[in-house]
């Protein structure tokens, strides 16, 4: 059974930083493209944030986070990370990691709140 558990969220002031982690069990993160998504509020669609590709760890970002967020992974620990810098109130959301596969598998997510 594949499980993804996100952590690292919290409350941070605008301009601050957080590092989100996603530990995966039941499937290796190596050899798969991995995505981070976020949902700003219940009932809203999840928004794609970033991807690290299956090969060569090429990364892609939504325009809204480009230059501020960095996705990475640790093959040995089977984890995926999202380093978030220069956070803005619009980054407030529940953040999820998943395999870039259909159907997606979702964890519980981790809440990020950017507020004064």
N, C-alpha and C. Protein backbone atom coordinates (compact mmCIF):
# COMPACT_ATOMS: atom_id res chain seq x y z
N UNK A 1 0.84 -1.18 0.00
CA UNK A 1 0.00 0.00 0.00
C UNK A 1 0.89 1.24 0.00
N UNK A 2 0.62 2.13 -0.93
CA UNK A 2 1.41 3.35 -1.05
C UNK A 2 0.86 4.40 -0.10
N UNK A 3 1.75 5.00 0.67
CA UNK A 3 1.34 6.08 1.58
C UNK A 3 2.30 7.24 1.47
N UNK A 4 1.76 8.43 1.53
CA UNK A 4 2.56 9.65 1.52
C UNK A 4 2.16 10.46 2.75
N UNK A 5 3.15 10.88 3.51
CA UNK A 5 2.89 11.65 4.72
C UNK A 5 3.68 12.94 4.66
N UNK A 6 2.94 14.04 4.58
CA UNK A 6 3.55 15.36 4.50
C UNK A 6 3.72 15.96 5.89
N UNK A 7 4.74 16.77 6.06
CA UNK A 7 4.97 17.46 7.32
C UNK A 7 5.77 18.72 7.07
N UNK A 8 5.91 19.53 8.12
CA UNK A 8 6.74 20.72 8.01
C UNK A 8 5.97 22.02 7.88
N UNK A 9 4.66 21.92 7.77
CA UNK A 9 3.85 23.14 7.67
C UNK A 9 3.82 23.90 8.98
N UNK A 10 3.22 25.07 8.96
CA UNK A 10 3.10 25.88 10.15
C UNK A 10 2.66 27.28 9.80
N UNK A 11 2.80 28.15 10.78
CA UNK A 11 2.45 29.55 10.61
C UNK A 11 3.73 30.36 10.47
N UNK A 12 3.80 31.18 9.46
CA UNK A 12 5.02 31.95 9.20
C UNK A 12 4.61 33.33 8.72
N UNK A 13 5.44 34.31 9.00
CA UNK A 13 5.17 35.67 8.54
C UNK A 13 5.53 35.82 7.07
N UNK A 14 4.90 36.76 6.40
CA UNK A 14 5.30 37.03 5.01
C UNK A 14 6.80 37.28 4.91
N UNK A 15 7.40 36.70 3.89
CA UNK A 15 8.84 36.81 3.71
C UNK A 15 9.61 35.68 4.35
N UNK A 16 8.96 34.88 5.16
CA UNK A 16 9.61 33.78 5.84
C UNK A 16 9.78 32.55 4.98
N UNK A 17 10.31 31.50 5.60
CA UNK A 17 10.61 30.26 4.88
C UNK A 17 10.08 29.06 5.65
N UNK A 18 9.76 28.02 4.92
CA UNK A 18 9.43 26.72 5.48
C UNK A 18 9.98 25.65 4.57
N UNK A 19 10.25 24.49 5.16
CA UNK A 19 10.67 23.34 4.36
C UNK A 19 9.70 22.20 4.63
N UNK A 20 8.97 21.83 3.61
CA UNK A 20 8.03 20.73 3.71
C UNK A 20 8.72 19.41 3.35
N UNK A 21 8.31 18.35 4.03
CA UNK A 21 8.83 17.02 3.76
C UNK A 21 7.68 16.08 3.42
N UNK A 22 7.97 15.10 2.62
CA UNK A 22 7.00 14.07 2.27
C UNK A 22 7.72 12.73 2.32
N UNK A 23 7.35 11.92 3.27
CA UNK A 23 7.95 10.58 3.36
C UNK A 23 7.01 9.59 2.69
N UNK A 24 7.58 8.75 1.85
CA UNK A 24 6.78 7.83 1.04
C UNK A 24 7.09 6.40 1.45
N UNK A 25 6.06 5.61 1.56
CA UNK A 25 6.23 4.18 1.80
C UNK A 25 5.42 3.40 0.78
N UNK A 26 5.89 2.22 0.46
CA UNK A 26 5.17 1.36 -0.45
C UNK A 26 5.55 1.51 -1.91
N UNK A 27 6.32 2.53 -2.23
CA UNK A 27 6.79 2.74 -3.60
C UNK A 27 7.99 3.66 -3.53
N UNK A 28 8.96 3.40 -4.41
CA UNK A 28 10.16 4.22 -4.40
C UNK A 28 9.91 5.55 -5.12
N UNK A 29 10.46 6.63 -4.58
CA UNK A 29 10.36 7.92 -5.29
C UNK A 29 11.35 7.99 -6.45
N UNK A 30 12.30 7.07 -6.44
CA UNK A 30 13.25 7.01 -7.55
C UNK A 30 12.54 6.41 -8.76
N UNK A 31 12.80 6.96 -9.91
CA UNK A 31 12.19 6.42 -11.11
C UNK A 31 10.78 6.90 -11.35
N UNK A 32 10.31 7.86 -10.53
CA UNK A 32 8.99 8.45 -10.72
C UNK A 32 9.11 9.97 -10.66
N UNK A 33 8.37 10.65 -11.49
CA UNK A 33 8.22 12.08 -11.30
C UNK A 33 7.33 12.30 -10.08
N UNK A 34 7.70 13.30 -9.30
CA UNK A 34 6.96 13.62 -8.07
C UNK A 34 6.47 15.06 -8.13
N UNK A 35 5.27 15.29 -7.64
CA UNK A 35 4.65 16.60 -7.67
C UNK A 35 4.33 17.09 -6.26
N UNK A 36 4.30 18.40 -6.12
CA UNK A 36 3.67 19.06 -4.98
C UNK A 36 2.46 19.83 -5.52
N UNK A 37 1.36 19.71 -4.80
CA UNK A 37 0.14 20.46 -5.08
C UNK A 37 -0.23 21.22 -3.81
N UNK A 38 -1.17 22.15 -3.96
CA UNK A 38 -1.72 22.82 -2.79
C UNK A 38 -3.19 23.13 -3.03
N UNK A 39 -3.92 23.22 -1.92
CA UNK A 39 -5.34 23.58 -1.95
C UNK A 39 -5.53 24.73 -1.00
N UNK A 40 -5.94 25.86 -1.52
CA UNK A 40 -6.03 27.08 -0.71
C UNK A 40 -7.17 27.06 0.30
N UNK A 41 -8.24 26.38 -0.05
CA UNK A 41 -9.40 26.35 0.85
C UNK A 41 -10.23 25.13 0.51
N UNK A 42 -10.95 24.60 1.49
CA UNK A 42 -11.83 23.45 1.20
C UNK A 42 -12.79 23.79 0.06
N UNK A 43 -12.96 22.84 -0.83
CA UNK A 43 -13.86 23.05 -1.95
C UNK A 43 -13.20 23.64 -3.18
N UNK A 44 -12.00 24.18 -3.02
CA UNK A 44 -11.26 24.69 -4.17
C UNK A 44 -10.43 23.57 -4.77
N UNK A 45 -10.14 23.70 -6.04
CA UNK A 45 -9.32 22.69 -6.70
C UNK A 45 -7.90 22.75 -6.18
N UNK A 46 -7.25 21.61 -6.18
CA UNK A 46 -5.82 21.59 -5.90
C UNK A 46 -5.08 22.27 -7.04
N UNK A 47 -4.06 23.02 -6.68
CA UNK A 47 -3.23 23.74 -7.66
C UNK A 47 -1.87 23.07 -7.73
N UNK A 48 -1.43 22.76 -8.92
CA UNK A 48 -0.10 22.19 -9.08
C UNK A 48 0.96 23.25 -8.76
N UNK A 49 1.99 22.85 -8.02
CA UNK A 49 3.01 23.78 -7.56
C UNK A 49 4.37 23.49 -8.19
N UNK A 50 4.78 22.22 -8.14
CA UNK A 50 6.14 21.92 -8.60
C UNK A 50 6.25 20.44 -8.94
N UNK A 51 7.23 20.12 -9.77
CA UNK A 51 7.51 18.73 -10.14
C UNK A 51 9.00 18.52 -10.25
N UNK A 52 9.41 17.34 -9.82
CA UNK A 52 10.78 16.88 -10.08
C UNK A 52 10.66 15.66 -10.96
N UNK A 53 11.38 15.67 -12.06
CA UNK A 53 11.15 14.67 -13.09
C UNK A 53 11.73 13.32 -12.73
N UNK A 54 11.21 12.32 -13.45
CA UNK A 54 11.61 10.94 -13.20
C UNK A 54 13.11 10.73 -13.45
N UNK A 55 13.60 11.37 -14.48
CA UNK A 55 15.01 11.22 -14.81
C UNK A 55 15.72 12.55 -14.66
N UNK A 56 16.92 12.52 -14.23
CA UNK A 56 17.82 13.68 -14.17
C UNK A 56 17.37 14.75 -13.19
N UNK A 57 16.29 14.49 -12.42
CA UNK A 57 15.84 15.45 -11.40
C UNK A 57 15.61 16.84 -11.98
N UNK A 58 15.14 16.92 -13.20
CA UNK A 58 14.77 18.21 -13.77
C UNK A 58 13.53 18.71 -13.03
N UNK A 59 13.52 20.00 -12.73
CA UNK A 59 12.42 20.57 -11.95
C UNK A 59 11.59 21.55 -12.76
N UNK A 60 10.32 21.64 -12.40
CA UNK A 60 9.39 22.56 -13.05
C UNK A 60 8.54 23.20 -11.97
N UNK A 61 8.16 24.46 -12.21
CA UNK A 61 7.43 25.20 -11.19
C UNK A 61 6.27 25.99 -11.80
N UNK A 62 5.23 26.15 -11.00
CA UNK A 62 4.17 27.07 -11.39
C UNK A 62 4.73 28.49 -11.38
N UNK A 63 4.22 29.32 -12.23
CA UNK A 63 4.71 30.70 -12.30
C UNK A 63 4.57 31.42 -10.97
N UNK A 64 3.56 31.05 -10.21
CA UNK A 64 3.30 31.74 -8.94
C UNK A 64 4.37 31.47 -7.88
N UNK A 65 5.16 30.41 -8.06
CA UNK A 65 6.17 30.07 -7.05
C UNK A 65 7.58 30.06 -7.61
N UNK A 66 7.71 30.21 -8.92
CA UNK A 66 9.02 30.13 -9.55
C UNK A 66 9.97 31.15 -8.96
N UNK A 67 11.17 30.71 -8.64
CA UNK A 67 12.16 31.59 -8.04
C UNK A 67 12.10 31.65 -6.53
N UNK A 68 11.02 31.10 -5.96
CA UNK A 68 10.88 31.13 -4.48
C UNK A 68 10.86 29.73 -3.87
N UNK A 69 10.34 28.77 -4.60
CA UNK A 69 10.23 27.39 -4.11
C UNK A 69 11.23 26.49 -4.83
N UNK A 70 11.69 25.46 -4.11
CA UNK A 70 12.61 24.48 -4.69
C UNK A 70 12.16 23.08 -4.28
N UNK A 71 11.94 22.23 -5.27
CA UNK A 71 11.59 20.84 -5.00
C UNK A 71 12.85 19.99 -5.11
N UNK A 72 12.94 19.00 -4.24
CA UNK A 72 14.10 18.10 -4.28
C UNK A 72 13.67 16.75 -3.71
N UNK A 73 14.53 15.77 -3.81
CA UNK A 73 14.23 14.46 -3.21
C UNK A 73 15.50 13.80 -2.72
N UNK A 74 15.28 12.91 -1.77
CA UNK A 74 16.36 12.10 -1.21
C UNK A 74 16.04 10.65 -1.54
N UNK A 75 16.80 10.09 -2.44
CA UNK A 75 16.51 8.72 -2.89
C UNK A 75 16.71 7.72 -1.75
N UNK A 76 17.72 7.93 -0.92
CA UNK A 76 18.02 6.98 0.15
C UNK A 76 16.92 6.99 1.21
N UNK A 77 16.39 8.17 1.51
CA UNK A 77 15.36 8.28 2.54
C UNK A 77 13.95 8.14 1.99
N UNK A 78 13.86 8.06 0.66
CA UNK A 78 12.56 7.96 -0.03
C UNK A 78 11.65 9.13 0.37
N UNK A 79 12.21 10.32 0.29
CA UNK A 79 11.48 11.52 0.69
C UNK A 79 11.56 12.57 -0.41
N UNK A 80 10.58 13.43 -0.41
CA UNK A 80 10.53 14.57 -1.32
C UNK A 80 10.37 15.82 -0.47
N UNK A 81 11.00 16.90 -0.89
CA UNK A 81 10.98 18.13 -0.11
C UNK A 81 10.47 19.30 -0.96
N UNK A 82 9.99 20.31 -0.26
CA UNK A 82 9.65 21.56 -0.92
C UNK A 82 10.16 22.69 -0.02
N UNK A 83 11.24 23.31 -0.45
CA UNK A 83 11.78 24.47 0.26
C UNK A 83 11.04 25.70 -0.25
N UNK A 84 10.42 26.42 0.68
CA UNK A 84 9.62 27.58 0.32
C UNK A 84 10.22 28.82 0.96
N UNK A 85 10.63 29.75 0.15
CA UNK A 85 11.22 31.00 0.62
C UNK A 85 10.36 32.17 0.19
N UNK A 86 10.58 33.30 0.82
CA UNK A 86 9.85 34.53 0.48
C UNK A 86 8.35 34.26 0.41
N UNK A 87 7.84 33.64 1.44
CA UNK A 87 6.45 33.26 1.44
C UNK A 87 5.52 34.46 1.45
N UNK A 88 4.39 34.30 0.78
CA UNK A 88 3.39 35.34 0.66
C UNK A 88 2.06 34.84 1.26
N UNK A 89 1.19 35.75 1.64
CA UNK A 89 -0.13 35.30 2.13
C UNK A 89 -0.86 34.40 1.13
N UNK A 90 -0.67 34.63 -0.16
CA UNK A 90 -1.33 33.79 -1.17
C UNK A 90 -0.80 32.36 -1.19
N UNK A 91 0.31 32.11 -0.50
CA UNK A 91 0.83 30.74 -0.42
C UNK A 91 0.11 29.93 0.66
N UNK A 92 -0.74 30.56 1.41
CA UNK A 92 -1.50 29.85 2.44
C UNK A 92 -2.35 28.76 1.80
N UNK A 93 -2.15 27.52 2.28
CA UNK A 93 -2.83 26.38 1.68
C UNK A 93 -2.44 25.11 2.42
N UNK A 94 -3.13 24.05 2.12
CA UNK A 94 -2.69 22.71 2.51
C UNK A 94 -1.87 22.16 1.35
N UNK A 95 -0.69 21.68 1.65
CA UNK A 95 0.25 21.21 0.64
C UNK A 95 0.31 19.69 0.65
N UNK A 96 0.30 19.14 -0.56
CA UNK A 96 0.31 17.69 -0.75
C UNK A 96 1.42 17.30 -1.72
N UNK A 97 2.04 16.16 -1.47
CA UNK A 97 2.93 15.59 -2.47
C UNK A 97 2.26 14.35 -3.05
N UNK A 98 2.63 14.01 -4.27
CA UNK A 98 2.07 12.83 -4.90
C UNK A 98 2.96 12.38 -6.04
N UNK A 99 2.75 11.16 -6.46
CA UNK A 99 3.41 10.69 -7.67
C UNK A 99 2.70 11.30 -8.88
N UNK A 100 3.46 11.60 -9.91
CA UNK A 100 2.88 12.14 -11.13
C UNK A 100 2.29 11.01 -11.95
N UNK A 101 1.31 10.35 -11.37
CA UNK A 101 0.65 9.20 -11.97
C UNK A 101 -0.85 9.35 -11.79
N UNK A 102 -1.60 8.67 -12.64
CA UNK A 102 -3.06 8.66 -12.47
C UNK A 102 -3.50 7.24 -12.11
N UNK A 103 -4.43 7.11 -11.19
CA UNK A 103 -4.99 8.19 -10.37
C UNK A 103 -4.02 8.63 -9.29
N UNK A 104 -4.09 9.88 -8.89
CA UNK A 104 -3.17 10.35 -7.85
C UNK A 104 -3.49 9.72 -6.51
N UNK A 105 -2.47 9.63 -5.69
CA UNK A 105 -2.62 9.16 -4.31
C UNK A 105 -2.32 10.34 -3.40
N UNK A 106 -3.25 10.65 -2.52
CA UNK A 106 -3.10 11.82 -1.67
C UNK A 106 -2.89 11.42 -0.21
N UNK A 107 -1.99 12.14 0.44
CA UNK A 107 -1.85 12.03 1.87
C UNK A 107 -2.78 13.01 2.56
N UNK A 108 -2.50 13.27 3.84
CA UNK A 108 -3.37 14.18 4.58
C UNK A 108 -2.99 15.64 4.34
N UNK A 109 -1.81 15.86 3.78
CA UNK A 109 -1.34 17.22 3.54
C UNK A 109 -0.78 17.87 4.79
N UNK A 110 -0.15 19.01 4.59
CA UNK A 110 0.38 19.79 5.71
C UNK A 110 -0.03 21.25 5.51
N UNK A 111 -0.54 21.86 6.56
CA UNK A 111 -1.09 23.21 6.46
C UNK A 111 0.01 24.26 6.57
N UNK A 112 -0.01 25.18 5.64
CA UNK A 112 0.88 26.34 5.66
C UNK A 112 0.03 27.59 5.76
N UNK A 113 0.33 28.42 6.74
CA UNK A 113 -0.38 29.69 6.91
C UNK A 113 0.64 30.81 6.91
N UNK A 114 0.47 31.73 5.99
CA UNK A 114 1.39 32.87 5.88
C UNK A 114 0.59 34.11 6.31
N UNK A 115 0.94 34.63 7.47
CA UNK A 115 0.15 35.73 8.02
C UNK A 115 0.99 36.53 9.00
N UNK A 116 0.66 37.82 9.10
CA UNK A 116 1.32 38.65 10.10
C UNK A 116 0.77 38.33 11.48
